[in-house]
Amino acid sequence: MQAIKTIGLDIAKSVFQVHGVDAGGQMVIRRQLKRRFVLAFLRGCRHAWLGLRLAHRPITGPASCRRWGIRCG
Protein backbone atom coordinates (compact mmCIF):
# COMPACT_ATOMS: atom_id res chain seq x y z
CA MET A 1 0.00 0.00 0.00
CA GLN A 2 1.22 3.50 -0.83
CA ALA A 3 2.03 5.93 1.98
CA ILE A 4 -0.90 8.11 3.01
CA LYS A 5 0.11 11.78 3.14
CA THR A 6 -3.27 13.46 3.75
CA ILE A 7 -6.29 12.10 5.60
CA GLY A 8 -9.78 13.56 5.43
CA LEU A 9 -12.05 12.51 8.27
CA ASP A 10 -15.78 13.21 8.25
CA ILE A 11 -16.92 12.84 11.84
CA ALA A 12 -20.36 11.47 12.68
CA LYS A 13 -21.99 9.96 15.75
CA SER A 14 -21.04 6.33 15.20
CA VAL A 15 -19.58 5.79 11.72
CA PHE A 16 -16.77 7.98 10.36
CA GLN A 17 -15.83 8.31 6.69
CA VAL A 18 -12.05 8.21 6.03
CA HIS A 19 -10.36 9.35 2.81
CA GLY A 20 -6.60 9.09 2.33
CA VAL A 21 -4.45 10.35 -0.54
CA ASP A 22 -0.77 9.96 -1.36
CA ALA A 23 1.75 12.73 -2.16
CA GLY A 24 0.57 12.82 -5.79
CA GLY A 25 -3.06 13.34 -4.80
CA GLN A 26 -4.18 9.84 -5.78
CA MET A 27 -6.84 8.14 -3.63
CA VAL A 28 -5.19 5.45 -1.50
CA ILE A 29 -7.97 4.59 0.92
CA ARG A 30 -11.66 5.31 1.30
CA ARG A 31 -13.65 3.50 3.96
CA GLN A 32 -16.06 3.78 6.83
CA LEU A 33 -14.82 3.21 10.36
CA LYS A 34 -16.81 2.76 13.51
CA ARG A 35 -15.95 5.24 16.25
CA ARG A 36 -14.02 2.70 18.33
CA PHE A 37 -11.59 1.95 15.47
CA VAL A 38 -10.76 5.52 14.37
CA LEU A 39 -7.97 6.29 16.85
CA ALA A 40 -6.19 2.98 16.17
CA PHE A 41 -6.39 3.65 12.42
CA LEU A 42 -4.99 7.17 12.77
CA ARG A 43 -2.13 6.01 14.97
CA GLY A 44 -1.08 3.71 12.14
CA CYS A 45 -0.90 6.63 9.67
CA ARG A 46 2.39 8.26 10.63
CA HIS A 47 3.49 11.55 9.06
CA ALA A 48 0.14 12.42 7.50
CA TRP A 49 -1.82 15.68 7.54
CA LEU A 50 -5.25 15.36 9.07
CA GLY A 51 -8.29 17.35 7.99
CA LEU A 52 -11.46 17.02 10.04
CA ARG A 53 -15.00 17.91 9.11
CA LEU A 54 -16.98 18.60 12.24
CA ALA A 55 -20.39 20.31 12.28
CA HIS A 56 -19.76 21.86 8.86
CA ARG A 57 -16.54 23.54 10.03
CA PRO A 58 -13.20 22.20 8.74
CA ILE A 59 -10.47 21.82 11.36
CA THR A 60 -7.00 21.11 9.98
CA GLY A 61 -3.35 21.19 10.88
CA PRO A 62 -1.06 20.32 13.76
CA ALA A 63 -3.38 21.63 16.49
CA SER A 64 -6.00 19.07 15.48
CA CYS A 65 -3.40 16.33 15.49
CA ARG A 66 -2.24 17.21 18.99
CA ARG A 67 -5.82 17.29 20.22
CA TRP A 68 -6.29 13.70 19.00
CA GLY A 69 -2.89 12.57 20.29
CA ILE A 70 -1.50 12.03 16.79
CA ARG A 71 2.00 13.07 15.80
CA CYS A 72 1.98 15.41 12.78
CA GLY A 73 4.80 16.17 10.34
PDB file of N, CA and C in Angstrom:
ATOM      1  N   MET A   1       0.827  -1.173   0.000  1.00  0.00           N
ATOM      2  CA  MET A   1       0.000   0.000   0.000  1.00  0.00           C
ATOM      3  C   MET A   1       0.877   1.245   0.000  1.00  0.00           C
ATOM      4  N   GLN A   2       0.472   2.263  -0.757  1.00  0.00           N
ATOM      5  CA  GLN A   2       1.224   3.504  -0.829  1.00  0.00           C
ATOM      6  C   GLN A   2       1.072   4.285   0.474  1.00  0.00           C
ATOM      7  N   ALA A   3       2.045   5.134   0.747  1.00  0.00           N
ATOM      8  CA  ALA A   3       2.029   5.930   1.977  1.00  0.00           C
ATOM      9  C   ALA A   3       0.948   7.002   1.896  1.00  0.00           C
ATOM     10  N   ILE A   4       0.141   7.090   2.933  1.00  0.00           N
ATOM     11  CA  ILE A   4      -0.902   8.108   3.009  1.00  0.00           C
ATOM     12  C   ILE A   4      -0.270   9.405   3.504  1.00  0.00           C
ATOM     13  N   LYS A   5      -0.462  10.485   2.765  1.00  0.00           N
ATOM     14  CA  LYS A   5       0.105  11.785   3.136  1.00  0.00           C
ATOM     15  C   LYS A   5      -0.946  12.733   3.703  1.00  0.00           C
ATOM     16  N   THR A   6      -2.199  12.599   3.269  1.00  0.00           N
ATOM     17  CA  THR A   6      -3.271  13.460   3.751  1.00  0.00           C
ATOM     18  C   THR A   6      -4.499  12.608   4.033  1.00  0.00           C
ATOM     19  N   ILE A   7      -5.102  12.842   5.195  1.00  0.00           N
ATOM     20  CA  ILE A   7      -6.294  12.105   5.599  1.00  0.00           C
ATOM     21  C   ILE A   7      -7.430  13.099   5.795  1.00  0.00           C
ATOM     22  N   GLY A   8      -8.557  12.793   5.198  1.00  0.00           N
ATOM     23  CA  GLY A   8      -9.779  13.559   5.429  1.00  0.00           C
ATOM     24  C   GLY A   8     -10.701  12.709   6.273  1.00  0.00           C
ATOM     25  N   LEU A   9     -11.213  13.265   7.342  1.00  0.00           N
ATOM     26  CA  LEU A   9     -12.052  12.512   8.268  1.00  0.00           C
ATOM     27  C   LEU A   9     -13.355  13.255   8.486  1.00  0.00           C
ATOM     28  N   ASP A  10     -14.450  12.641   8.056  1.00  0.00           N
ATOM     29  CA  ASP A  10     -15.780  13.206   8.247  1.00  0.00           C
ATOM     30  C   ASP A  10     -16.356  12.556   9.505  1.00  0.00           C
ATOM     31  N   ILE A  11     -16.523  13.353  10.534  1.00  0.00           N
ATOM     32  CA  ILE A  11     -16.921  12.844  11.843  1.00  0.00           C
ATOM     33  C   ILE A  11     -18.441  12.786  11.947  1.00  0.00           C
ATOM     34  N   ALA A  12     -18.931  11.660  12.438  1.00  0.00           N
ATOM     35  CA  ALA A  12     -20.359  11.472  12.680  1.00  0.00           C
ATOM     36  C   ALA A  12     -20.537  10.881  14.076  1.00  0.00           C
ATOM     37  N   LYS A  13     -21.747  10.501  14.415  1.00  0.00           N
ATOM     38  CA  LYS A  13     -21.995   9.962  15.753  1.00  0.00           C
ATOM     39  C   LYS A  13     -21.360   8.598  15.942  1.00  0.00           C
ATOM     40  N   SER A  14     -21.543   7.687  14.986  1.00  0.00           N
ATOM     41  CA  SER A  14     -21.040   6.331  15.205  1.00  0.00           C
ATOM     42  C   SER A  14     -20.169   5.794  14.073  1.00  0.00           C
ATOM     43  N   VAL A  15     -20.366   6.266  12.845  1.00  0.00           N
ATOM     44  CA  VAL A  15     -19.579   5.788  11.715  1.00  0.00           C
ATOM     45  C   VAL A  15     -18.888   6.976  11.057  1.00  0.00           C
ATOM     46  N   PHE A  16     -17.559   6.913  10.963  1.00  0.00           N
ATOM     47  CA  PHE A  16     -16.771   7.985  10.359  1.00  0.00           C
ATOM     48  C   PHE A  16     -16.358   7.579   8.957  1.00  0.00           C
ATOM     49  N   GLN A  17     -16.282   8.551   8.049  1.00  0.00           N
ATOM     50  CA  GLN A  17     -15.825   8.309   6.686  1.00  0.00           C
ATOM     51  C   GLN A  17     -14.376   8.781   6.594  1.00  0.00           C
ATOM     52  N   VAL A  18     -13.479   7.902   6.136  1.00  0.00           N
ATOM     53  CA  VAL A  18     -12.054   8.208   6.034  1.00  0.00           C
ATOM     54  C   VAL A  18     -11.636   8.200   4.571  1.00  0.00           C
ATOM     55  N   HIS A  19     -10.932   9.253   4.148  1.00  0.00           N
ATOM     56  CA  HIS A  19     -10.357   9.347   2.814  1.00  0.00           C
ATOM     57  C   HIS A  19      -8.875   9.618   2.969  1.00  0.00           C
ATOM     58  N   GLY A  20      -8.034   8.881   2.271  1.00  0.00           N
ATOM     59  CA  GLY A  20      -6.596   9.093   2.333  1.00  0.00           C
ATOM     60  C   GLY A  20      -6.009   9.205   0.941  1.00  0.00           C
ATOM     61  N   VAL A  21      -5.120  10.168   0.743  1.00  0.00           N
ATOM     62  CA  VAL A  21      -4.454  10.352  -0.543  1.00  0.00           C
ATOM     63  C   VAL A  21      -2.944  10.340  -0.348  1.00  0.00           C
ATOM     64  N   ASP A  22      -2.227   9.980  -1.415  1.00  0.00           N
ATOM     65  CA  ASP A  22      -0.766   9.963  -1.360  1.00  0.00           C
ATOM     66  C   ASP A  22      -0.215  11.326  -1.749  1.00  0.00           C
ATOM     67  N   ALA A  23       1.098  11.442  -1.848  1.00  0.00           N
ATOM     68  CA  ALA A  23       1.753  12.725  -2.156  1.00  0.00           C
ATOM     69  C   ALA A  23       1.340  13.273  -3.517  1.00  0.00           C
ATOM     70  N   GLY A  24       0.987  12.397  -4.453  1.00  0.00           N
ATOM     71  CA  GLY A  24       0.570  12.825  -5.786  1.00  0.00           C
ATOM     72  C   GLY A  24      -0.903  13.162  -5.891  1.00  0.00           C
ATOM     73  N   GLY A  25      -1.638  13.028  -4.794  1.00  0.00           N
ATOM     74  CA  GLY A  25      -3.056  13.345  -4.798  1.00  0.00           C
ATOM     75  C   GLY A  25      -3.960  12.196  -5.231  1.00  0.00           C
ATOM     76  N   GLN A  26      -3.388  11.007  -5.375  1.00  0.00           N
ATOM     77  CA  GLN A  26      -4.176   9.838  -5.780  1.00  0.00           C
ATOM     78  C   GLN A  26      -4.834   9.200  -4.564  1.00  0.00           C
ATOM     79  N   MET A  27      -6.100   8.790  -4.714  1.00  0.00           N
ATOM     80  CA  MET A  27      -6.836   8.140  -3.629  1.00  0.00           C
ATOM     81  C   MET A  27      -6.162   6.819  -3.269  1.00  0.00           C
ATOM     82  N   VAL A  28      -5.825   6.660  -1.996  1.00  0.00           N
ATOM     83  CA  VAL A  28      -5.187   5.447  -1.496  1.00  0.00           C
ATOM     84  C   VAL A  28      -6.192   4.616  -0.702  1.00  0.00           C
ATOM     85  N   ILE A  29      -7.012   5.297   0.080  1.00  0.00           N
ATOM     86  CA  ILE A  29      -7.973   4.588   0.920  1.00  0.00           C
ATOM     87  C   ILE A  29      -9.252   5.403   1.044  1.00  0.00           C
ATOM     88  N   ARG A  30     -10.359   4.695   1.043  1.00  0.00           N
ATOM     89  CA  ARG A  30     -11.661   5.313   1.298  1.00  0.00           C
ATOM     90  C   ARG A  30     -12.514   4.244   1.978  1.00  0.00           C
ATOM     91  N   ARG A  31     -12.871   4.498   3.223  1.00  0.00           N
ATOM     92  CA  ARG A  31     -13.652   3.496   3.955  1.00  0.00           C
ATOM     93  C   ARG A  31     -14.409   4.132   5.102  1.00  0.00           C
ATOM     94  N   GLN A  32     -15.336   3.378   5.640  1.00  0.00           N
ATOM     95  CA  GLN A  32     -16.061   3.782   6.830  1.00  0.00           C
ATOM     96  C   GLN A  32     -15.456   3.064   8.024  1.00  0.00           C
ATOM     97  N   LEU A  33     -15.332   3.796   9.117  1.00  0.00           N
ATOM     98  CA  LEU A  33     -14.823   3.209  10.355  1.00  0.00           C
ATOM     99  C   LEU A  33     -15.795   3.497  11.483  1.00  0.00           C
ATOM    100  N   LYS A  34     -16.029   2.518  12.310  1.00  0.00           N
ATOM    101  CA  LYS A  34     -16.813   2.760  13.509  1.00  0.00           C
ATOM    102  C   LYS A  34     -15.963   3.572  14.475  1.00  0.00           C
ATOM    103  N   ARG A  35     -16.619   4.316  15.322  1.00  0.00           N
ATOM    104  CA  ARG A  35     -15.953   5.235  16.246  1.00  0.00           C
ATOM    105  C   ARG A  35     -14.818   4.567  17.030  1.00  0.00           C
ATOM    106  N   ARG A  36     -15.024   3.358  17.487  1.00  0.00           N
ATOM    107  CA  ARG A  36     -14.024   2.701  18.334  1.00  0.00           C
ATOM    108  C   ARG A  36     -12.750   2.311  17.589  1.00  0.00           C
ATOM    109  N   PHE A  37     -12.765   2.331  16.246  1.00  0.00           N
ATOM    110  CA  PHE A  37     -11.589   1.952  15.466  1.00  0.00           C
ATOM    111  C   PHE A  37     -10.824   3.145  14.890  1.00  0.00           C
ATOM    112  N   VAL A  38     -11.364   4.340  15.011  1.00  0.00           N
ATOM    113  CA  VAL A  38     -10.762   5.516  14.366  1.00  0.00           C
ATOM    114  C   VAL A  38      -9.383   5.844  14.934  1.00  0.00           C
ATOM    115  N   LEU A  39      -9.249   5.907  16.242  1.00  0.00           N
ATOM    116  CA  LEU A  39      -7.971   6.289  16.846  1.00  0.00           C
ATOM    117  C   LEU A  39      -6.873   5.284  16.498  1.00  0.00           C
ATOM    118  N   ALA A  40      -7.187   4.003  16.533  1.00  0.00           N
ATOM    119  CA  ALA A  40      -6.193   2.981  16.167  1.00  0.00           C
ATOM    120  C   ALA A  40      -5.771   3.135  14.707  1.00  0.00           C
ATOM    121  N   PHE A  41      -6.718   3.440  13.834  1.00  0.00           N
ATOM    122  CA  PHE A  41      -6.394   3.654  12.423  1.00  0.00           C
ATOM    123  C   PHE A  41      -5.465   4.848  12.255  1.00  0.00           C
ATOM    124  N   LEU A  42      -5.785   5.958  12.912  1.00  0.00           N
ATOM    125  CA  LEU A  42      -4.989   7.172  12.767  1.00  0.00           C
ATOM    126  C   LEU A  42      -3.590   7.015  13.362  1.00  0.00           C
ATOM    127  N   ARG A  43      -3.462   6.258  14.418  1.00  0.00           N
ATOM    128  CA  ARG A  43      -2.129   6.012  14.974  1.00  0.00           C
ATOM    129  C   ARG A  43      -1.250   5.257  13.998  1.00  0.00           C
ATOM    130  N   GLY A  44      -1.836   4.462  13.137  1.00  0.00           N
ATOM    131  CA  GLY A  44      -1.075   3.712  12.137  1.00  0.00           C
ATOM    132  C   GLY A  44      -0.668   4.544  10.937  1.00  0.00           C
ATOM    133  N   CYS A  45      -1.199   5.743  10.808  1.00  0.00           N
ATOM    134  CA  CYS A  45      -0.897   6.628   9.671  1.00  0.00           C
ATOM    135  C   CYS A  45       0.100   7.690  10.113  1.00  0.00           C
ATOM    136  N   ARG A  46       1.335   7.325  10.194  1.00  0.00           N
ATOM    137  CA  ARG A  46       2.385   8.259  10.626  1.00  0.00           C
ATOM    138  C   ARG A  46       2.676   9.285   9.541  1.00  0.00           C
ATOM    139  N   HIS A  47       3.043  10.480   9.959  1.00  0.00           N
ATOM    140  CA  HIS A  47       3.495  11.548   9.062  1.00  0.00           C
ATOM    141  C   HIS A  47       2.456  11.905   8.005  1.00  0.00           C
ATOM    142  N   ALA A  48       1.209  12.026   8.416  1.00  0.00           N
ATOM    143  CA  ALA A  48       0.142  12.424   7.496  1.00  0.00           C
ATOM    144  C   ALA A  48      -0.577  13.649   8.053  1.00  0.00           C
ATOM    145  N   TRP A  49      -1.001  14.539   7.151  1.00  0.00           N
ATOM    146  CA  TRP A  49      -1.816  15.679   7.543  1.00  0.00           C
ATOM    147  C   TRP A  49      -3.223  15.186   7.760  1.00  0.00           C
ATOM    148  N   LEU A  50      -3.896  15.770   8.733  1.00  0.00           N
ATOM    149  CA  LEU A  50      -5.250  15.364   9.069  1.00  0.00           C
ATOM    150  C   LEU A  50      -6.189  16.546   8.906  1.00  0.00           C
ATOM    151  N   GLY A  51      -7.246  16.343   8.142  1.00  0.00           N
ATOM    152  CA  GLY A  51      -8.289  17.354   7.989  1.00  0.00           C
ATOM    153  C   GLY A  51      -9.592  16.782   8.509  1.00  0.00           C
ATOM    154  N   LEU A  52     -10.223  17.491   9.442  1.00  0.00           N
ATOM    155  CA  LEU A  52     -11.465  17.020  10.041  1.00  0.00           C
ATOM    156  C   LEU A  52     -12.638  17.848   9.554  1.00  0.00           C
ATOM    157  N   ARG A  53     -13.769  17.197   9.405  1.00  0.00           N
ATOM    158  CA  ARG A  53     -15.005  17.913   9.109  1.00  0.00           C
ATOM    159  C   ARG A  53     -15.940  17.658  10.277  1.00  0.00           C
ATOM    160  N   LEU A  54     -16.193  18.707  11.020  1.00  0.00           N
ATOM    161  CA  LEU A  54     -16.975  18.601  12.236  1.00  0.00           C
ATOM    162  C   LEU A  54     -18.025  19.701  12.243  1.00  0.00           C
ATOM    163  N   ALA A  55     -19.284  19.339  12.231  1.00  0.00           N
ATOM    164  CA  ALA A  55     -20.387  20.306  12.277  1.00  0.00           C
ATOM    165  C   ALA A  55     -20.232  21.389  11.213  1.00  0.00           C
ATOM    166  N   HIS A  56     -19.884  20.971  10.010  1.00  0.00           N
ATOM    167  CA  HIS A  56     -19.762  21.861   8.856  1.00  0.00           C
ATOM    168  C   HIS A  56     -18.648  22.891   8.983  1.00  0.00           C
ATOM    169  N   ARG A  57     -17.686  22.643   9.888  1.00  0.00           N
ATOM    170  CA  ARG A  57     -16.542  23.535  10.030  1.00  0.00           C
ATOM    171  C   ARG A  57     -15.264  22.714   9.900  1.00  0.00           C
ATOM    172  N   PRO A  58     -14.434  22.958   8.869  1.00  0.00           N
ATOM    173  CA  PRO A  58     -13.196  22.196   8.740  1.00  0.00           C
ATOM    174  C   PRO A  58     -12.186  22.591   9.813  1.00  0.00           C
ATOM    175  N   ILE A  59     -11.520  21.604  10.373  1.00  0.00           N
ATOM    176  CA  ILE A  59     -10.465  21.824  11.357  1.00  0.00           C
ATOM    177  C   ILE A  59      -9.248  21.070  10.848  1.00  0.00           C
ATOM    178  N   THR A  60      -8.163  21.765  10.566  1.00  0.00           N
ATOM    179  CA  THR A  60      -7.003  21.115   9.978  1.00  0.00           C
ATOM    180  C   THR A  60      -5.723  21.542  10.678  1.00  0.00           C
ATOM    181  N   GLY A  61      -4.667  20.798  10.430  1.00  0.00           N
ATOM    182  CA  GLY A  61      -3.351  21.188  10.875  1.00  0.00           C
ATOM    183  C   GLY A  61      -2.880  20.538  12.157  1.00  0.00           C
ATOM    184  N   PRO A  62      -1.695  20.928  12.604  1.00  0.00           N
ATOM    185  CA  PRO A  62      -1.056  20.315  13.763  1.00  0.00           C
ATOM    186  C   PRO A  62      -1.856  20.427  15.064  1.00  0.00           C
ATOM    187  N   ALA A  63      -2.602  21.504  15.253  1.00  0.00           N
ATOM    188  CA  ALA A  63      -3.381  21.634  16.491  1.00  0.00           C
ATOM    189  C   ALA A  63      -4.407  20.514  16.591  1.00  0.00           C
ATOM    190  N   SER A  64      -5.036  20.164  15.487  1.00  0.00           N
ATOM    191  CA  SER A  64      -6.003  19.066  15.481  1.00  0.00           C
ATOM    192  C   SER A  64      -5.315  17.752  15.787  1.00  0.00           C
ATOM    193  N   CYS A  65      -4.141  17.565  15.245  1.00  0.00           N
ATOM    194  CA  CYS A  65      -3.399  16.330  15.488  1.00  0.00           C
ATOM    195  C   CYS A  65      -3.068  16.191  16.965  1.00  0.00           C
ATOM    196  N   ARG A  66      -2.587  17.260  17.573  1.00  0.00           N
ATOM    197  CA  ARG A  66      -2.237  17.206  18.994  1.00  0.00           C
ATOM    198  C   ARG A  66      -3.463  16.915  19.850  1.00  0.00           C
ATOM    199  N   ARG A  67      -4.596  17.497  19.470  1.00  0.00           N
ATOM    200  CA  ARG A  67      -5.824  17.286  20.221  1.00  0.00           C
ATOM    201  C   ARG A  67      -6.215  15.815  20.228  1.00  0.00           C
ATOM    202  N   TRP A  68      -5.950  15.111  19.115  1.00  0.00           N
ATOM    203  CA  TRP A  68      -6.291  13.695  19.002  1.00  0.00           C
ATOM    204  C   TRP A  68      -5.151  12.794  19.456  1.00  0.00           C
ATOM    205  N   GLY A  69      -4.011  13.377  19.842  1.00  0.00           N
ATOM    206  CA  GLY A  69      -2.887  12.568  20.292  1.00  0.00           C
ATOM    207  C   GLY A  69      -2.130  11.927  19.148  1.00  0.00           C
ATOM    208  N   ILE A  70      -2.163  12.567  17.977  1.00  0.00           N
ATOM    209  CA  ILE A  70      -1.502  12.033  16.788  1.00  0.00           C
ATOM    210  C   ILE A  70      -0.314  12.919  16.458  1.00  0.00           C
ATOM    211  N   ARG A  71       0.803  12.321  16.140  1.00  0.00           N
ATOM    212  CA  ARG A  71       2.002  13.070  15.800  1.00  0.00           C
ATOM    213  C   ARG A  71       1.923  13.541  14.346  1.00  0.00           C
ATOM    214  N   CYS A  72       2.053  14.829  14.131  1.00  0.00           N
ATOM    215  CA  CYS A  72       1.983  15.410  12.778  1.00  0.00           C
ATOM    216  C   CYS A  72       3.378  15.808  12.298  1.00  0.00           C
ATOM    217  N   GLY A  73       3.572  15.691  10.985  1.00  0.00           N
ATOM    218  CA  GLY A  73       4.799  16.166  10.337  1.00  0.00           C
ATOM    219  C   GLY A  73       5.964  15.606  10.927  1.00  0.00           C
TER     220      GLY A  73
END
